[in-house]
Amino acid sequence: MSELPDPRFILNRITASEWVINDLRYAPNDPRHVVACVYELAETEVEVTWLRDLPLASRYGTVFEVLEDVERMRGTSRATRPISIAHRPPLATT
C-alpha cells in the first residue's frame, strides 16, 4: 500500500467568501507562503489575485478549480530538451 505524498498547496478559508492558497514548502512567515487570494464574486464564479508570477486565469468557477490549476502548474516540468541548431558555414560575401 502506498501513501499519497503530503500536499504542497492547501486552500485555507479566511472568511465566508475569501480563501488563500498556501505553499507548504515555505514557512508561514515567508512571503512566498501565500500563493494567491481567492474571492467569491457569485455562487458560480471566483476571482483570483495571484501573489506569484503564474500564467493562470484570474477567474474560475470554484475555488477548487483554482487549487487544481496551481497543483497542475507545479506538476508541469518547464525543462525541455535543447533545440538543435543546424551548423552551416557563414555565407560568402561577394
Protein backbone atom coordinates (compact mmCIF):
# COMPACT_ATOMS: atom_id res chain seq x y z
CA MET A 1 0.00 0.00 0.00
CA SER A 2 1.44 3.37 -0.98
CA GLU A 3 0.62 6.57 0.78
CA LEU A 4 -0.10 9.75 -1.08
CA PRO A 5 2.56 12.40 -0.53
CA ASP A 6 1.71 15.37 1.63
CA PRO A 7 0.07 18.10 -0.42
CA ARG A 8 2.29 21.05 -1.23
CA PHE A 9 -0.56 23.53 -1.69
CA ILE A 10 -3.54 23.93 0.62
CA LEU A 11 -6.66 26.03 0.49
CA ASN A 12 -7.48 27.98 3.66
CA ARG A 13 -10.81 29.73 4.15
CA ILE A 14 -10.37 33.17 5.69
CA THR A 15 -13.97 34.45 5.63
CA ALA A 16 -17.24 33.20 4.18
CA SER A 17 -16.22 34.47 0.73
CA GLU A 18 -12.38 34.63 0.85
CA TRP A 19 -9.65 31.98 0.69
CA VAL A 20 -5.89 31.87 0.37
CA ILE A 21 -3.75 29.21 -1.24
CA ASN A 22 -0.64 28.44 0.79
CA ASP A 23 2.57 26.76 -0.34
CA LEU A 24 3.67 24.45 2.47
CA ARG A 25 7.22 24.38 1.13
CA TYR A 26 7.74 27.78 2.77
CA ALA A 27 7.38 28.82 6.40
CA PRO A 28 4.24 30.78 7.37
CA ASN A 29 6.31 33.94 7.95
CA ASP A 30 7.89 33.69 4.45
CA PRO A 31 6.18 35.95 1.86
CA ARG A 32 6.29 33.06 -0.66
CA HIS A 33 3.99 31.04 1.61
CA VAL A 34 0.85 32.73 0.18
CA VAL A 35 0.38 31.90 -3.50
CA ALA A 36 -2.99 33.54 -4.18
CA CYS A 37 -6.04 35.18 -2.66
CA VAL A 38 -9.41 33.95 -3.93
CA TYR A 39 -12.62 35.97 -3.64
CA GLU A 40 -16.13 34.70 -4.30
CA LEU A 41 -17.94 37.02 -6.72
CA ALA A 42 -21.09 34.93 -7.06
CA GLU A 43 -22.04 31.35 -6.30
CA THR A 44 -20.74 30.35 -9.72
CA GLU A 45 -17.58 32.45 -10.00
CA VAL A 46 -14.44 33.36 -8.06
CA GLU A 47 -11.72 35.91 -8.77
CA VAL A 48 -8.04 35.27 -8.06
CA THR A 49 -5.32 37.71 -7.12
CA TRP A 50 -2.02 35.97 -7.82
CA LEU A 51 0.81 36.80 -5.45
CA ARG A 52 3.26 34.84 -7.60
CA ASP A 53 4.01 35.25 -11.25
CA LEU A 54 1.89 32.37 -12.56
CA PRO A 55 0.42 32.34 -16.08
CA LEU A 56 -3.02 31.29 -14.86
CA ALA A 57 -6.53 32.72 -15.23
CA SER A 58 -7.94 35.39 -12.94
CA ARG A 59 -11.49 33.93 -12.84
CA TYR A 60 -12.67 30.39 -12.17
CA GLY A 61 -15.91 28.59 -11.45
CA THR A 62 -14.90 27.36 -7.98
CA VAL A 63 -12.03 27.71 -5.52
CA PHE A 64 -11.21 24.04 -6.07
CA GLU A 65 -10.56 24.71 -9.77
CA VAL A 66 -8.01 27.34 -8.74
CA LEU A 67 -6.24 24.88 -6.44
CA GLU A 68 -6.25 22.21 -9.18
CA ASP A 69 -4.66 24.66 -11.64
CA VAL A 70 -1.92 25.56 -9.14
CA GLU A 71 -1.19 21.89 -8.49
CA ARG A 72 -1.20 21.14 -12.22
CA MET A 73 1.24 24.01 -12.78
CA ARG A 74 3.57 22.53 -10.17
CA GLY A 75 3.46 19.15 -11.87
CA THR A 76 4.39 20.59 -15.26
CA SER A 77 8.08 20.46 -15.89
CA ARG A 78 9.45 23.56 -17.54
CA ALA A 79 12.63 21.78 -18.59
CA THR A 80 12.84 20.92 -22.25
CA ARG A 81 15.42 19.28 -24.41
CA PRO A 82 17.84 21.64 -26.11
CA ILE A 83 16.81 22.81 -29.55
CA SER A 84 19.39 21.74 -32.09
CA ILE A 85 20.81 24.44 -34.31
CA ALA A 86 21.98 23.49 -37.76
CA HIS A 87 25.70 24.12 -38.22
CA ARG A 88 26.42 25.77 -41.53
CA PRO A 89 29.42 27.75 -42.71
CA PRO A 90 28.99 31.54 -42.88
CA LEU A 91 27.68 32.99 -46.10
CA ALA A 92 30.33 34.12 -48.55
CA THR A 93 30.34 37.83 -49.29
CA THR A 94 30.72 39.00 -52.88
